[in-house]
Amino acid sequence: MEGLSVDNKHKIVVAVDESEESMDALSWCLSNLISHNSTTTLVLLYVKPPPIIYSSFDISAHIFSADVIVAMEKYGADLANKVMKRAEAVFRNFNTNVNVERVIGSGEAQDVICNTVEKLRPDTLVMGSHGYGFLKRALLGSVSEHCAKRVKCPVVIVKHPRHE
């Protein structure tokens, strides 16, 4: 087609966490969405739980000393680093020419993922599914379902293969 330019640059955000489901989603993404003849940027997005905030009127604030809060924040940072290292180990198993960016957010996972996707404007968001049944999903909510309804790009939700 004359005058039509095809851009082979793609940006894919993969939400990763401590679960096997998120690593399966990353593997699936690398196997199925990454083309060898395109320049793809893969954004690994990890969301730490929201920081603990206490008001001066909150009695539990007196229970947690500053040392405990610092230790909890360090634990969150260490966990984020471990998840990113696991994701990078999965990535190394694939022979692809991909630019990898790491983004670590903090807050409610569904909000941080949606806000990050809005900011980065990727071509695709890839997420793993924990495969919760109706009751667990009703009680805990579904981050992937929330994001699929709210982001403007296509969302791929990868189901974890069941080992029987």
N, C-alpha and C. Protein backbone atom coordinates (compact mmCIF):
# COMPACT_ATOMS: atom_id res chain seq x y z
N MET A 1 0.85 -1.18 0.00
CA MET A 1 0.00 0.00 0.00
C MET A 1 0.89 1.23 0.00
N GLU A 2 0.59 2.10 -0.86
CA GLU A 2 1.39 3.30 -0.99
C GLU A 2 1.02 4.30 0.09
N GLY A 3 2.04 4.91 0.68
CA GLY A 3 1.81 5.95 1.68
C GLY A 3 1.48 5.41 3.07
N LEU A 4 1.47 4.09 3.21
CA LEU A 4 1.16 3.51 4.51
C LEU A 4 2.46 3.12 5.20
N SER A 5 2.66 3.64 6.38
CA SER A 5 3.87 3.34 7.14
C SER A 5 3.51 2.41 8.29
N VAL A 6 4.25 1.33 8.39
CA VAL A 6 4.00 0.38 9.47
C VAL A 6 5.08 0.56 10.53
N ASP A 7 4.68 0.85 11.73
CA ASP A 7 5.62 1.06 12.82
C ASP A 7 5.78 -0.26 13.56
N ASN A 8 6.99 -0.77 13.61
CA ASN A 8 7.25 -2.04 14.28
C ASN A 8 7.64 -1.87 15.73
N LYS A 9 7.42 -0.70 16.29
CA LYS A 9 7.73 -0.47 17.70
C LYS A 9 6.48 -0.73 18.53
N HIS A 10 6.63 -1.58 19.52
CA HIS A 10 5.51 -1.92 20.38
C HIS A 10 5.92 -1.77 21.83
N LYS A 11 4.94 -1.44 22.67
CA LYS A 11 5.18 -1.38 24.11
C LYS A 11 4.14 -2.28 24.77
N ILE A 12 4.64 -3.19 25.58
CA ILE A 12 3.77 -4.12 26.29
C ILE A 12 4.06 -3.99 27.78
N VAL A 13 3.02 -3.82 28.57
CA VAL A 13 3.16 -3.80 30.03
C VAL A 13 2.73 -5.17 30.55
N VAL A 14 3.58 -5.78 31.37
CA VAL A 14 3.24 -7.04 32.02
C VAL A 14 3.24 -6.79 33.52
N ALA A 15 2.10 -7.01 34.15
CA ALA A 15 1.99 -6.86 35.60
C ALA A 15 2.55 -8.12 36.25
N VAL A 16 3.56 -7.94 37.10
CA VAL A 16 4.19 -9.08 37.76
C VAL A 16 4.05 -8.94 39.28
N ASP A 17 3.96 -10.07 39.94
CA ASP A 17 3.93 -10.09 41.40
C ASP A 17 4.61 -11.37 41.87
N GLU A 18 4.37 -11.77 43.10
CA GLU A 18 5.04 -12.92 43.68
C GLU A 18 4.49 -14.24 43.15
N SER A 19 3.41 -14.23 42.43
CA SER A 19 2.70 -15.45 42.05
C SER A 19 3.29 -16.13 40.81
N GLU A 20 3.06 -17.42 40.73
CA GLU A 20 3.42 -18.19 39.54
C GLU A 20 2.58 -17.72 38.35
N GLU A 21 1.35 -17.31 38.62
CA GLU A 21 0.46 -16.87 37.55
C GLU A 21 1.04 -15.69 36.78
N SER A 22 1.66 -14.77 37.49
CA SER A 22 2.22 -13.61 36.78
C SER A 22 3.45 -14.01 35.96
N MET A 23 4.23 -14.96 36.45
CA MET A 23 5.40 -15.43 35.69
C MET A 23 4.95 -16.23 34.47
N ASP A 24 3.85 -16.98 34.61
CA ASP A 24 3.28 -17.68 33.45
C ASP A 24 2.80 -16.67 32.40
N ALA A 25 2.21 -15.57 32.86
CA ALA A 25 1.75 -14.52 31.94
C ALA A 25 2.93 -13.90 31.21
N LEU A 26 4.02 -13.68 31.91
CA LEU A 26 5.22 -13.12 31.29
C LEU A 26 5.77 -14.10 30.24
N SER A 27 5.85 -15.38 30.59
CA SER A 27 6.32 -16.39 29.63
C SER A 27 5.42 -16.44 28.40
N TRP A 28 4.11 -16.42 28.63
CA TRP A 28 3.16 -16.45 27.52
C TRP A 28 3.37 -15.23 26.62
N CYS A 29 3.54 -14.07 27.23
CA CYS A 29 3.76 -12.84 26.48
C CYS A 29 5.01 -12.95 25.61
N LEU A 30 6.09 -13.43 26.17
CA LEU A 30 7.34 -13.56 25.43
C LEU A 30 7.22 -14.56 24.29
N SER A 31 6.43 -15.61 24.50
CA SER A 31 6.25 -16.64 23.47
C SER A 31 5.28 -16.21 22.37
N ASN A 32 4.29 -15.42 22.71
CA ASN A 32 3.20 -15.18 21.77
C ASN A 32 3.05 -13.75 21.26
N LEU A 33 3.56 -12.78 21.97
CA LEU A 33 3.34 -11.39 21.56
C LEU A 33 4.59 -10.68 21.05
N ILE A 34 5.74 -11.27 21.27
CA ILE A 34 6.99 -10.63 20.87
C ILE A 34 7.41 -11.15 19.50
N SER A 35 7.52 -10.25 18.55
CA SER A 35 7.94 -10.60 17.20
C SER A 35 9.44 -10.37 17.09
N HIS A 36 10.12 -11.25 16.38
CA HIS A 36 11.58 -11.13 16.24
C HIS A 36 11.99 -9.98 15.33
N ASN A 37 11.07 -9.50 14.49
CA ASN A 37 11.44 -8.42 13.56
C ASN A 37 10.91 -7.06 14.00
N SER A 38 10.50 -6.95 15.25
CA SER A 38 10.02 -5.66 15.74
C SER A 38 10.85 -5.22 16.94
N THR A 39 10.78 -3.94 17.20
CA THR A 39 11.43 -3.41 18.38
C THR A 39 10.36 -3.28 19.46
N THR A 40 10.45 -4.09 20.47
CA THR A 40 9.44 -4.11 21.52
C THR A 40 10.05 -3.63 22.82
N THR A 41 9.30 -2.80 23.52
CA THR A 41 9.67 -2.42 24.87
C THR A 41 8.74 -3.17 25.81
N LEU A 42 9.32 -3.94 26.69
CA LEU A 42 8.57 -4.71 27.66
C LEU A 42 8.70 -4.02 29.00
N VAL A 43 7.57 -3.60 29.56
CA VAL A 43 7.57 -2.92 30.85
C VAL A 43 7.10 -3.91 31.91
N LEU A 44 7.99 -4.23 32.85
CA LEU A 44 7.63 -5.10 33.96
C LEU A 44 7.13 -4.20 35.09
N LEU A 45 5.87 -4.36 35.44
CA LEU A 45 5.23 -3.50 36.45
C LEU A 45 4.94 -4.30 37.71
N TYR A 46 5.53 -3.87 38.82
CA TYR A 46 5.28 -4.49 40.13
C TYR A 46 4.67 -3.43 41.03
N VAL A 47 3.66 -3.82 41.78
CA VAL A 47 2.98 -2.88 42.69
C VAL A 47 3.16 -3.36 44.12
N LYS A 48 3.84 -2.52 44.92
CA LYS A 48 3.97 -2.80 46.35
C LYS A 48 2.67 -2.41 47.04
N PRO A 49 2.34 -3.07 48.14
CA PRO A 49 1.15 -2.67 48.90
C PRO A 49 1.28 -1.23 49.36
N PRO A 50 0.14 -0.57 49.59
CA PRO A 50 0.21 0.83 50.02
C PRO A 50 0.93 0.97 51.35
N PRO A 51 1.63 2.09 51.54
CA PRO A 51 2.33 2.29 52.81
C PRO A 51 1.34 2.43 53.96
N ILE A 52 1.80 2.09 55.13
CA ILE A 52 0.96 2.19 56.32
C ILE A 52 0.97 3.65 56.78
N ILE A 53 -0.22 4.22 56.89
CA ILE A 53 -0.34 5.61 57.32
C ILE A 53 -1.24 5.65 58.54
N TYR A 54 -0.76 6.31 59.56
CA TYR A 54 -1.52 6.44 60.79
C TYR A 54 -1.74 7.91 61.10
N SER A 55 -2.89 8.20 61.64
CA SER A 55 -3.13 9.57 62.09
C SER A 55 -2.64 9.69 63.54
N SER A 56 -2.55 10.89 64.01
CA SER A 56 -2.09 11.09 65.38
C SER A 56 -3.13 10.59 66.39
N PHE A 57 -4.35 10.36 65.92
CA PHE A 57 -5.41 9.87 66.80
C PHE A 57 -5.55 8.36 66.78
N ASP A 58 -4.80 7.72 65.92
CA ASP A 58 -4.89 6.27 65.77
C ASP A 58 -4.06 5.60 66.87
N ILE A 59 -4.70 4.80 67.69
CA ILE A 59 -4.01 4.15 68.82
C ILE A 59 -2.97 3.15 68.33
N SER A 60 -3.20 2.54 67.16
CA SER A 60 -2.25 1.55 66.67
C SER A 60 -0.93 2.19 66.26
N ALA A 61 -0.92 3.49 66.04
CA ALA A 61 0.33 4.19 65.69
C ALA A 61 1.34 4.06 66.82
N HIS A 62 0.86 3.94 68.04
CA HIS A 62 1.76 3.82 69.17
C HIS A 62 2.35 2.42 69.30
N ILE A 63 1.69 1.46 68.67
CA ILE A 63 2.18 0.09 68.72
C ILE A 63 3.38 -0.08 67.80
N PHE A 64 3.31 0.53 66.60
CA PHE A 64 4.40 0.41 65.63
C PHE A 64 5.41 1.52 65.83
N SER A 65 6.62 1.14 66.13
CA SER A 65 7.68 2.13 66.26
C SER A 65 8.20 2.47 64.87
N ALA A 66 8.99 3.51 64.80
CA ALA A 66 9.59 3.92 63.52
C ALA A 66 10.46 2.79 62.96
N ASP A 67 11.12 2.04 63.84
CA ASP A 67 11.97 0.94 63.38
C ASP A 67 11.16 -0.15 62.68
N VAL A 68 9.98 -0.44 63.20
CA VAL A 68 9.12 -1.46 62.59
C VAL A 68 8.65 -0.98 61.22
N ILE A 69 8.27 0.27 61.12
CA ILE A 69 7.80 0.82 59.85
C ILE A 69 8.92 0.81 58.81
N VAL A 70 10.14 1.19 59.22
CA VAL A 70 11.29 1.16 58.31
C VAL A 70 11.57 -0.28 57.87
N ALA A 71 11.48 -1.22 58.80
CA ALA A 71 11.71 -2.63 58.46
C ALA A 71 10.67 -3.13 57.47
N MET A 72 9.42 -2.72 57.65
CA MET A 72 8.36 -3.14 56.73
C MET A 72 8.58 -2.54 55.34
N GLU A 73 9.02 -1.29 55.28
CA GLU A 73 9.30 -0.66 53.99
C GLU A 73 10.48 -1.34 53.30
N LYS A 74 11.50 -1.72 54.08
CA LYS A 74 12.65 -2.43 53.51
C LYS A 74 12.23 -3.79 52.98
N TYR A 75 11.35 -4.46 53.72
CA TYR A 75 10.84 -5.76 53.27
C TYR A 75 10.11 -5.59 51.93
N GLY A 76 9.31 -4.54 51.80
CA GLY A 76 8.59 -4.28 50.55
C GLY A 76 9.54 -4.04 49.39
N ALA A 77 10.61 -3.29 49.63
CA ALA A 77 11.61 -3.03 48.59
C ALA A 77 12.35 -4.31 48.22
N ASP A 78 12.70 -5.13 49.22
CA ASP A 78 13.38 -6.40 48.96
C ASP A 78 12.48 -7.33 48.16
N LEU A 79 11.20 -7.37 48.49
CA LEU A 79 10.25 -8.21 47.76
C LEU A 79 10.14 -7.76 46.31
N ALA A 80 10.09 -6.46 46.08
CA ALA A 80 10.03 -5.93 44.72
C ALA A 80 11.26 -6.35 43.93
N ASN A 81 12.43 -6.28 44.55
CA ASN A 81 13.67 -6.69 43.87
C ASN A 81 13.65 -8.18 43.54
N LYS A 82 13.15 -9.00 44.46
CA LYS A 82 13.08 -10.45 44.22
C LYS A 82 12.14 -10.76 43.06
N VAL A 83 11.00 -10.08 43.01
CA VAL A 83 10.05 -10.32 41.93
C VAL A 83 10.68 -9.92 40.59
N MET A 84 11.35 -8.79 40.55
CA MET A 84 11.99 -8.34 39.31
C MET A 84 13.09 -9.31 38.88
N LYS A 85 13.83 -9.87 39.83
CA LYS A 85 14.87 -10.85 39.49
C LYS A 85 14.24 -12.12 38.92
N ARG A 86 13.13 -12.56 39.51
CA ARG A 86 12.42 -13.74 38.98
C ARG A 86 11.94 -13.47 37.56
N ALA A 87 11.40 -12.28 37.34
CA ALA A 87 10.90 -11.92 36.01
C ALA A 87 12.06 -11.88 35.01
N GLU A 88 13.19 -11.35 35.43
CA GLU A 88 14.35 -11.29 34.54
C GLU A 88 14.88 -12.69 34.23
N ALA A 89 14.78 -13.61 35.18
CA ALA A 89 15.18 -15.00 34.93
C ALA A 89 14.27 -15.62 33.88
N VAL A 90 12.98 -15.35 33.94
CA VAL A 90 12.04 -15.84 32.92
C VAL A 90 12.40 -15.23 31.58
N PHE A 91 12.69 -13.94 31.58
CA PHE A 91 13.01 -13.22 30.35
C PHE A 91 14.28 -13.78 29.69
N ARG A 92 15.28 -14.12 30.49
CA ARG A 92 16.54 -14.63 29.95
C ARG A 92 16.38 -15.95 29.22
N ASN A 93 15.34 -16.72 29.53
CA ASN A 93 15.11 -18.00 28.87
C ASN A 93 14.64 -17.85 27.43
N PHE A 94 14.27 -16.65 27.04
CA PHE A 94 13.77 -16.41 25.69
C PHE A 94 14.82 -15.65 24.88
N ASN A 95 14.99 -16.07 23.65
CA ASN A 95 15.97 -15.43 22.78
C ASN A 95 15.28 -14.32 22.00
N THR A 96 15.10 -13.18 22.66
CA THR A 96 14.41 -12.07 22.01
C THR A 96 15.22 -10.79 22.17
N ASN A 97 15.02 -9.89 21.23
CA ASN A 97 15.68 -8.60 21.28
C ASN A 97 14.66 -7.58 21.79
N VAL A 98 14.54 -7.50 23.09
CA VAL A 98 13.52 -6.67 23.71
C VAL A 98 14.17 -5.71 24.69
N ASN A 99 13.70 -4.47 24.67
CA ASN A 99 14.13 -3.51 25.68
C ASN A 99 13.25 -3.72 26.91
N VAL A 100 13.86 -3.87 28.06
CA VAL A 100 13.09 -4.12 29.28
C VAL A 100 13.19 -2.90 30.20
N GLU A 101 12.04 -2.44 30.65
CA GLU A 101 11.97 -1.37 31.64
C GLU A 101 11.31 -1.92 32.88
N ARG A 102 11.74 -1.46 34.04
CA ARG A 102 11.16 -1.89 35.31
C ARG A 102 10.45 -0.71 35.94
N VAL A 103 9.20 -0.92 36.31
CA VAL A 103 8.43 0.11 36.99
C VAL A 103 7.91 -0.49 38.29
N ILE A 104 8.17 0.19 39.40
CA ILE A 104 7.67 -0.27 40.70
C ILE A 104 6.78 0.83 41.24
N GLY A 105 5.52 0.49 41.46
CA GLY A 105 4.56 1.43 42.01
C GLY A 105 4.19 1.02 43.42
N SER A 106 3.43 1.87 44.07
CA SER A 106 2.99 1.59 45.43
C SER A 106 1.55 2.04 45.57
N GLY A 107 0.72 1.18 46.14
CA GLY A 107 -0.68 1.51 46.33
C GLY A 107 -1.55 0.30 46.06
N GLU A 108 -2.82 0.55 45.81
CA GLU A 108 -3.74 -0.52 45.46
C GLU A 108 -3.41 -0.98 44.04
N ALA A 109 -3.19 -2.27 43.86
CA ALA A 109 -2.70 -2.80 42.59
C ALA A 109 -3.55 -2.36 41.40
N GLN A 110 -4.86 -2.49 41.51
CA GLN A 110 -5.72 -2.16 40.37
C GLN A 110 -5.60 -0.69 39.98
N ASP A 111 -5.49 0.20 40.95
CA ASP A 111 -5.38 1.63 40.65
C ASP A 111 -4.02 1.97 40.05
N VAL A 112 -2.95 1.40 40.61
CA VAL A 112 -1.61 1.68 40.12
C VAL A 112 -1.45 1.14 38.70
N ILE A 113 -1.95 -0.06 38.44
CA ILE A 113 -1.83 -0.63 37.09
C ILE A 113 -2.58 0.23 36.08
N CYS A 114 -3.82 0.59 36.40
CA CYS A 114 -4.61 1.42 35.47
C CYS A 114 -3.96 2.78 35.24
N ASN A 115 -3.47 3.42 36.29
CA ASN A 115 -2.81 4.73 36.15
C ASN A 115 -1.52 4.63 35.35
N THR A 116 -0.76 3.56 35.57
CA THR A 116 0.49 3.38 34.83
C THR A 116 0.21 3.15 33.35
N VAL A 117 -0.80 2.34 33.06
CA VAL A 117 -1.16 2.09 31.66
C VAL A 117 -1.64 3.38 31.00
N GLU A 118 -2.40 4.17 31.71
CA GLU A 118 -2.85 5.44 31.16
C GLU A 118 -1.66 6.35 30.85
N LYS A 119 -0.67 6.35 31.73
CA LYS A 119 0.51 7.21 31.57
C LYS A 119 1.43 6.71 30.44
N LEU A 120 1.68 5.39 30.39
CA LEU A 120 2.64 4.84 29.43
C LEU A 120 2.05 4.60 28.04
N ARG A 121 0.74 4.44 27.97
CA ARG A 121 0.02 4.20 26.71
C ARG A 121 0.59 3.03 25.91
N PRO A 122 0.64 1.84 26.53
CA PRO A 122 1.18 0.68 25.81
C PRO A 122 0.18 0.16 24.77
N ASP A 123 0.69 -0.73 23.92
CA ASP A 123 -0.18 -1.39 22.94
C ASP A 123 -1.02 -2.48 23.59
N THR A 124 -0.47 -3.10 24.65
CA THR A 124 -1.14 -4.22 25.30
C THR A 124 -0.76 -4.27 26.78
N LEU A 125 -1.70 -4.69 27.60
CA LEU A 125 -1.45 -4.99 29.01
C LEU A 125 -1.63 -6.50 29.18
N VAL A 126 -0.65 -7.16 29.78
CA VAL A 126 -0.72 -8.60 30.02
C VAL A 126 -0.73 -8.84 31.52
N MET A 127 -1.67 -9.68 31.96
CA MET A 127 -1.81 -9.98 33.38
C MET A 127 -2.08 -11.47 33.56
N GLY A 128 -1.66 -12.00 34.69
CA GLY A 128 -2.00 -13.37 35.03
C GLY A 128 -3.32 -13.40 35.78
N SER A 129 -3.94 -14.57 35.77
CA SER A 129 -5.19 -14.76 36.50
C SER A 129 -4.97 -15.81 37.57
N HIS A 130 -5.42 -15.50 38.78
CA HIS A 130 -5.29 -16.47 39.88
C HIS A 130 -6.33 -17.57 39.76
N GLY A 131 -7.34 -17.37 38.94
CA GLY A 131 -8.35 -18.39 38.74
C GLY A 131 -9.25 -18.59 39.94
N TYR A 132 -9.50 -17.52 40.68
CA TYR A 132 -10.39 -17.63 41.84
C TYR A 132 -11.80 -17.98 41.39
N GLY A 133 -12.48 -18.72 42.22
CA GLY A 133 -13.88 -19.03 41.97
C GLY A 133 -14.74 -17.81 42.29
N PHE A 134 -16.04 -17.98 42.14
CA PHE A 134 -16.98 -16.88 42.33
C PHE A 134 -16.87 -16.26 43.73
N LEU A 135 -16.83 -17.09 44.77
CA LEU A 135 -16.84 -16.58 46.14
C LEU A 135 -15.55 -15.81 46.46
N LYS A 136 -14.40 -16.39 46.15
CA LYS A 136 -13.15 -15.68 46.42
C LYS A 136 -13.06 -14.38 45.62
N ARG A 137 -13.50 -14.44 44.36
CA ARG A 137 -13.46 -13.24 43.52
C ARG A 137 -14.38 -12.17 44.08
N ALA A 138 -15.53 -12.59 44.60
CA ALA A 138 -16.48 -11.64 45.18
C ALA A 138 -15.91 -11.00 46.44
N LEU A 139 -15.19 -11.79 47.24
CA LEU A 139 -14.62 -11.26 48.49
C LEU A 139 -13.34 -10.47 48.26
N LEU A 140 -12.45 -11.00 47.43
CA LEU A 140 -11.14 -10.38 47.22
C LEU A 140 -11.11 -9.40 46.05
N GLY A 141 -12.05 -9.56 45.14
CA GLY A 141 -12.03 -8.73 43.94
C GLY A 141 -11.07 -9.32 42.93
N SER A 142 -11.17 -8.86 41.71
CA SER A 142 -10.30 -9.34 40.65
C SER A 142 -9.59 -8.14 40.05
N VAL A 143 -8.29 -8.07 40.27
CA VAL A 143 -7.51 -6.95 39.74
C VAL A 143 -7.55 -6.98 38.22
N SER A 144 -7.39 -8.16 37.62
CA SER A 144 -7.38 -8.24 36.16
C SER A 144 -8.72 -7.83 35.57
N GLU A 145 -9.80 -8.22 36.20
CA GLU A 145 -11.13 -7.84 35.71
C GLU A 145 -11.33 -6.33 35.82
N HIS A 146 -10.91 -5.75 36.92
CA HIS A 146 -11.02 -4.30 37.12
C HIS A 146 -10.24 -3.56 36.03
N CYS A 147 -9.00 -4.00 35.78
CA CYS A 147 -8.16 -3.33 34.78
C CYS A 147 -8.72 -3.51 33.38
N ALA A 148 -9.21 -4.70 33.08
CA ALA A 148 -9.76 -4.97 31.74
C ALA A 148 -10.93 -4.04 31.42
N LYS A 149 -11.69 -3.68 32.44
CA LYS A 149 -12.84 -2.80 32.23
C LYS A 149 -12.44 -1.34 32.10
N ARG A 150 -11.27 -0.95 32.62
CA ARG A 150 -10.94 0.47 32.72
C ARG A 150 -9.84 0.98 31.80
N VAL A 151 -8.90 0.13 31.41
CA VAL A 151 -7.82 0.64 30.56
C VAL A 151 -8.28 0.72 29.11
N LYS A 152 -7.60 1.55 28.34
CA LYS A 152 -8.02 1.79 26.95
C LYS A 152 -7.31 0.90 25.94
N CYS A 153 -6.27 0.18 26.35
CA CYS A 153 -5.58 -0.71 25.43
C CYS A 153 -6.12 -2.13 25.59
N PRO A 154 -5.82 -3.00 24.62
CA PRO A 154 -6.22 -4.41 24.78
C PRO A 154 -5.56 -5.03 26.01
N VAL A 155 -6.29 -5.90 26.68
CA VAL A 155 -5.80 -6.59 27.88
C VAL A 155 -5.82 -8.09 27.61
N VAL A 156 -4.70 -8.73 27.87
CA VAL A 156 -4.62 -10.18 27.75
C VAL A 156 -4.50 -10.75 29.16
N ILE A 157 -5.46 -11.58 29.53
CA ILE A 157 -5.44 -12.23 30.85
C ILE A 157 -5.07 -13.69 30.62
N VAL A 158 -3.93 -14.08 31.15
CA VAL A 158 -3.40 -15.42 30.93
C VAL A 158 -3.76 -16.30 32.11
N LYS A 159 -4.44 -17.39 31.82
CA LYS A 159 -4.81 -18.34 32.88
C LYS A 159 -3.62 -19.22 33.19
N HIS A 160 -3.46 -19.52 34.47
CA HIS A 160 -2.39 -20.39 34.94
C HIS A 160 -2.73 -21.82 34.55
N PRO A 161 -1.79 -22.52 33.89
CA PRO A 161 -2.08 -23.92 33.53
C PRO A 161 -2.19 -24.78 34.79
N ARG A 162 -3.23 -25.53 34.87
CA ARG A 162 -3.45 -26.39 36.04
C ARG A 162 -2.65 -27.67 35.92
N HIS A 163 -1.89 -27.96 36.96
CA HIS A 163 -1.11 -29.20 36.99
C HIS A 163 -1.96 -30.25 37.66
N GLU A 164 -2.22 -31.33 36.95
CA GLU A 164 -3.08 -32.38 37.51
C GLU A 164 -2.27 -33.56 37.94
